[in-house]
Amino acid sequence: VFAIPDYFVYMSRAFSTLEGIGLSSNEDYSIVSEAFPYLSKRLLTDDSPRAKAALRSMVYGAEDKDASNATPNLSKVLSMGDGFTSYSS
């Protein structure tokens, strides 16, 4: 039996609510775009194995690819760099 964890449902609901509030005042609003600078900083500075795996997946694509033979996606790398530089704590 498949069950969705409660925290996932609550987080999805919270993000949906925030997205709706943002869209009511700006039709081009995107919560993902707003969160991207924080995510970029977190992925580029966190030394945990989980963050490293997420960064590797973001830069090289699928998790099952061998990063030593894969070519990084330059547009994703540049986008993360832009996000990192625009982040203010």
N, C-alpha and C. Protein backbone atom coordinates (compact mmCIF):
# COMPACT_ATOMS: atom_id res chain seq x y z
N VAL A 1 0.85 -1.17 0.00
CA VAL A 1 0.00 0.00 0.00
C VAL A 1 0.90 1.24 0.00
N PHE A 2 0.60 2.15 -0.88
CA PHE A 2 1.38 3.39 -1.00
C PHE A 2 0.72 4.49 -0.17
N ALA A 3 1.51 5.14 0.65
CA ALA A 3 0.99 6.24 1.47
C ALA A 3 1.91 7.44 1.35
N ILE A 4 1.32 8.59 1.18
CA ILE A 4 2.10 9.83 1.13
C ILE A 4 2.30 10.33 2.55
N PRO A 5 3.55 10.63 2.92
CA PRO A 5 3.81 11.13 4.28
C PRO A 5 3.07 12.45 4.54
N ASP A 6 2.64 12.62 5.78
CA ASP A 6 1.90 13.83 6.16
C ASP A 6 2.68 15.10 5.86
N TYR A 7 3.99 15.10 6.17
CA TYR A 7 4.77 16.31 5.97
C TYR A 7 4.80 16.72 4.50
N PHE A 8 4.79 15.75 3.60
CA PHE A 8 4.79 16.06 2.17
C PHE A 8 3.49 16.76 1.77
N VAL A 9 2.39 16.27 2.29
CA VAL A 9 1.09 16.88 2.00
C VAL A 9 1.05 18.31 2.54
N TYR A 10 1.54 18.51 3.77
CA TYR A 10 1.52 19.84 4.37
C TYR A 10 2.44 20.81 3.62
N MET A 11 3.61 20.34 3.21
CA MET A 11 4.53 21.20 2.47
C MET A 11 3.95 21.57 1.10
N SER A 12 3.34 20.61 0.43
CA SER A 12 2.71 20.88 -0.86
C SER A 12 1.59 21.90 -0.72
N ARG A 13 0.82 21.75 0.33
CA ARG A 13 -0.28 22.70 0.57
C ARG A 13 0.26 24.10 0.85
N ALA A 14 1.32 24.18 1.64
CA ALA A 14 1.91 25.48 1.96
C ALA A 14 2.47 26.15 0.70
N PHE A 15 3.19 25.40 -0.13
CA PHE A 15 3.73 25.97 -1.35
C PHE A 15 2.63 26.38 -2.32
N SER A 16 1.57 25.58 -2.38
CA SER A 16 0.43 25.94 -3.25
C SER A 16 -0.21 27.24 -2.79
N THR A 17 -0.35 27.39 -1.48
CA THR A 17 -0.94 28.61 -0.92
C THR A 17 -0.06 29.82 -1.23
N LEU A 18 1.24 29.68 -1.01
CA LEU A 18 2.16 30.78 -1.29
C LEU A 18 2.18 31.13 -2.78
N GLU A 19 2.15 30.12 -3.62
CA GLU A 19 2.12 30.35 -5.07
C GLU A 19 0.84 31.11 -5.44
N GLY A 20 -0.30 30.72 -4.86
CA GLY A 20 -1.57 31.39 -5.15
C GLY A 20 -1.56 32.84 -4.71
N ILE A 21 -1.00 33.11 -3.54
CA ILE A 21 -0.91 34.49 -3.05
C ILE A 21 -0.02 35.31 -3.98
N GLY A 22 1.12 34.74 -4.37
CA GLY A 22 2.02 35.44 -5.28
C GLY A 22 1.39 35.71 -6.63
N LEU A 23 0.67 34.72 -7.16
CA LEU A 23 0.02 34.87 -8.47
C LEU A 23 -1.12 35.88 -8.45
N SER A 24 -1.73 36.08 -7.27
CA SER A 24 -2.83 37.04 -7.19
C SER A 24 -2.34 38.47 -7.36
N SER A 25 -1.08 38.73 -7.04
CA SER A 25 -0.55 40.08 -7.19
C SER A 25 0.37 40.23 -8.40
N ASN A 26 0.90 39.10 -8.91
CA ASN A 26 1.81 39.14 -10.05
C ASN A 26 1.62 37.86 -10.85
N GLU A 27 1.07 37.96 -12.05
CA GLU A 27 0.77 36.76 -12.82
C GLU A 27 2.01 36.00 -13.29
N ASP A 28 3.18 36.61 -13.21
CA ASP A 28 4.42 35.95 -13.60
C ASP A 28 5.17 35.36 -12.40
N TYR A 29 4.57 35.38 -11.23
CA TYR A 29 5.23 34.89 -10.02
C TYR A 29 5.45 33.38 -10.09
N SER A 30 6.58 32.95 -9.59
CA SER A 30 6.89 31.52 -9.51
C SER A 30 7.68 31.28 -8.22
N ILE A 31 7.13 30.47 -7.34
CA ILE A 31 7.81 30.21 -6.08
C ILE A 31 9.13 29.48 -6.31
N VAL A 32 9.19 28.67 -7.35
CA VAL A 32 10.43 27.97 -7.67
C VAL A 32 11.52 28.98 -8.04
N SER A 33 11.16 29.99 -8.81
CA SER A 33 12.14 31.03 -9.17
C SER A 33 12.61 31.80 -7.95
N GLU A 34 11.70 32.03 -7.01
CA GLU A 34 12.06 32.74 -5.79
C GLU A 34 12.97 31.90 -4.90
N ALA A 35 12.77 30.60 -4.88
CA ALA A 35 13.55 29.71 -4.01
C ALA A 35 14.86 29.27 -4.65
N PHE A 36 15.00 29.44 -5.95
CA PHE A 36 16.18 28.94 -6.66
C PHE A 36 17.51 29.49 -6.13
N PRO A 37 17.62 30.78 -5.84
CA PRO A 37 18.90 31.27 -5.30
C PRO A 37 19.29 30.56 -3.99
N TYR A 38 18.34 30.33 -3.11
CA TYR A 38 18.64 29.61 -1.86
C TYR A 38 19.07 28.18 -2.16
N LEU A 39 18.34 27.52 -3.05
CA LEU A 39 18.68 26.14 -3.39
C LEU A 39 20.06 26.05 -4.02
N SER A 40 20.40 27.01 -4.89
CA SER A 40 21.72 27.03 -5.50
C SER A 40 22.81 27.15 -4.46
N LYS A 41 22.63 28.09 -3.54
CA LYS A 41 23.63 28.28 -2.48
C LYS A 41 23.75 27.02 -1.64
N ARG A 42 22.64 26.43 -1.31
CA ARG A 42 22.65 25.23 -0.48
C ARG A 42 23.36 24.08 -1.18
N LEU A 43 23.07 23.87 -2.46
CA LEU A 43 23.70 22.77 -3.20
C LEU A 43 25.20 23.00 -3.40
N LEU A 44 25.60 24.26 -3.57
CA LEU A 44 27.01 24.55 -3.84
C LEU A 44 27.87 24.62 -2.58
N THR A 45 27.25 24.75 -1.40
CA THR A 45 28.05 24.90 -0.18
C THR A 45 27.89 23.77 0.82
N ASP A 46 26.87 22.95 0.70
CA ASP A 46 26.62 21.87 1.65
C ASP A 46 27.51 20.67 1.32
N ASP A 47 28.20 20.14 2.33
CA ASP A 47 29.11 19.01 2.12
C ASP A 47 28.48 17.65 2.37
N SER A 48 27.19 17.61 2.66
CA SER A 48 26.56 16.33 2.96
C SER A 48 26.47 15.47 1.70
N PRO A 49 26.52 14.15 1.85
CA PRO A 49 26.41 13.26 0.68
C PRO A 49 25.10 13.46 -0.09
N ARG A 50 24.04 13.76 0.63
CA ARG A 50 22.74 13.97 -0.03
C ARG A 50 22.77 15.22 -0.92
N ALA A 51 23.37 16.30 -0.43
CA ALA A 51 23.48 17.53 -1.22
C ALA A 51 24.41 17.32 -2.41
N LYS A 52 25.50 16.58 -2.20
CA LYS A 52 26.42 16.29 -3.31
C LYS A 52 25.73 15.48 -4.40
N ALA A 53 24.91 14.51 -4.00
CA ALA A 53 24.18 13.70 -4.98
C ALA A 53 23.17 14.55 -5.74
N ALA A 54 22.50 15.47 -5.04
CA ALA A 54 21.54 16.35 -5.70
C ALA A 54 22.25 17.29 -6.68
N LEU A 55 23.39 17.81 -6.29
CA LEU A 55 24.16 18.68 -7.18
C LEU A 55 24.64 17.91 -8.41
N ARG A 56 25.14 16.71 -8.20
CA ARG A 56 25.60 15.87 -9.31
C ARG A 56 24.44 15.58 -10.28
N SER A 57 23.28 15.28 -9.73
CA SER A 57 22.11 15.01 -10.55
C SER A 57 21.68 16.25 -11.32
N MET A 58 21.77 17.41 -10.68
CA MET A 58 21.38 18.67 -11.32
C MET A 58 22.33 19.01 -12.47
N VAL A 59 23.61 18.82 -12.26
CA VAL A 59 24.61 19.22 -13.25
C VAL A 59 24.75 18.20 -14.38
N TYR A 60 24.75 16.90 -14.03
CA TYR A 60 25.00 15.86 -15.03
C TYR A 60 23.76 15.15 -15.53
N GLY A 61 22.63 15.38 -14.90
CA GLY A 61 21.41 14.71 -15.35
C GLY A 61 21.07 13.54 -14.45
N ALA A 62 20.62 12.47 -15.05
CA ALA A 62 20.13 11.30 -14.29
C ALA A 62 21.14 10.80 -13.27
N GLU A 63 20.61 10.34 -12.16
CA GLU A 63 21.43 9.88 -11.05
C GLU A 63 22.27 8.66 -11.40
N ASP A 64 21.80 7.84 -12.32
CA ASP A 64 22.50 6.60 -12.64
C ASP A 64 23.65 6.79 -13.63
N LYS A 65 23.82 7.99 -14.16
CA LYS A 65 24.93 8.25 -15.09
C LYS A 65 26.26 8.30 -14.34
N ASP A 66 27.30 7.88 -15.00
CA ASP A 66 28.64 7.96 -14.45
C ASP A 66 29.16 9.38 -14.70
N ALA A 67 29.32 10.16 -13.65
CA ALA A 67 29.72 11.57 -13.79
C ALA A 67 31.10 11.73 -14.41
N SER A 68 31.96 10.71 -14.29
CA SER A 68 33.31 10.84 -14.85
C SER A 68 33.28 10.84 -16.38
N ASN A 69 32.24 10.26 -16.98
CA ASN A 69 32.13 10.23 -18.44
C ASN A 69 31.05 11.17 -18.97
N ALA A 70 30.27 11.76 -18.09
CA ALA A 70 29.15 12.61 -18.51
C ALA A 70 29.61 14.04 -18.78
N THR A 71 28.87 14.72 -19.61
CA THR A 71 29.14 16.12 -19.91
C THR A 71 28.17 16.97 -19.10
N PRO A 72 28.69 17.95 -18.35
CA PRO A 72 27.78 18.79 -17.57
C PRO A 72 26.89 19.65 -18.46
N ASN A 73 25.71 19.91 -17.98
CA ASN A 73 24.77 20.77 -18.69
C ASN A 73 25.14 22.22 -18.36
N LEU A 74 25.77 22.90 -19.30
CA LEU A 74 26.31 24.24 -19.08
C LEU A 74 25.23 25.24 -18.68
N SER A 75 24.06 25.14 -19.28
CA SER A 75 23.01 26.11 -18.94
C SER A 75 22.57 25.94 -17.49
N LYS A 76 22.53 24.71 -16.99
CA LYS A 76 22.18 24.49 -15.58
C LYS A 76 23.26 25.02 -14.65
N VAL A 77 24.51 24.82 -15.03
CA VAL A 77 25.63 25.31 -14.21
C VAL A 77 25.60 26.83 -14.15
N LEU A 78 25.40 27.49 -15.28
CA LEU A 78 25.33 28.96 -15.31
C LEU A 78 24.13 29.47 -14.53
N SER A 79 23.02 28.78 -14.66
CA SER A 79 21.82 29.17 -13.93
C SER A 79 22.04 29.07 -12.42
N MET A 80 22.71 28.00 -11.98
CA MET A 80 23.00 27.86 -10.56
C MET A 80 23.96 28.93 -10.09
N GLY A 81 24.94 29.27 -10.92
CA GLY A 81 25.89 30.33 -10.56
C GLY A 81 25.18 31.67 -10.41
N ASP A 82 24.26 31.96 -11.32
CA ASP A 82 23.47 33.19 -11.23
C ASP A 82 22.63 33.19 -9.96
N GLY A 83 22.02 32.05 -9.65
CA GLY A 83 21.23 31.95 -8.44
C GLY A 83 22.06 32.14 -7.20
N PHE A 84 23.25 31.56 -7.21
CA PHE A 84 24.15 31.67 -6.07
C PHE A 84 24.55 33.12 -5.82
N THR A 85 24.86 33.85 -6.89
CA THR A 85 25.30 35.24 -6.73
C THR A 85 24.16 36.17 -6.35
N SER A 86 22.92 35.79 -6.69
CA SER A 86 21.80 36.68 -6.35
C SER A 86 21.21 36.39 -4.98
N TYR A 87 21.71 35.37 -4.31
CA TYR A 87 21.18 35.01 -2.98
C TYR A 87 21.68 35.99 -1.93
N SER A 88 20.79 36.48 -1.10
CA SER A 88 21.20 37.32 0.02
C SER A 88 20.58 36.75 1.28
N SER A 89 21.40 36.49 2.26
CA SER A 89 20.90 35.82 3.46
C SER A 89 20.27 36.76 4.44
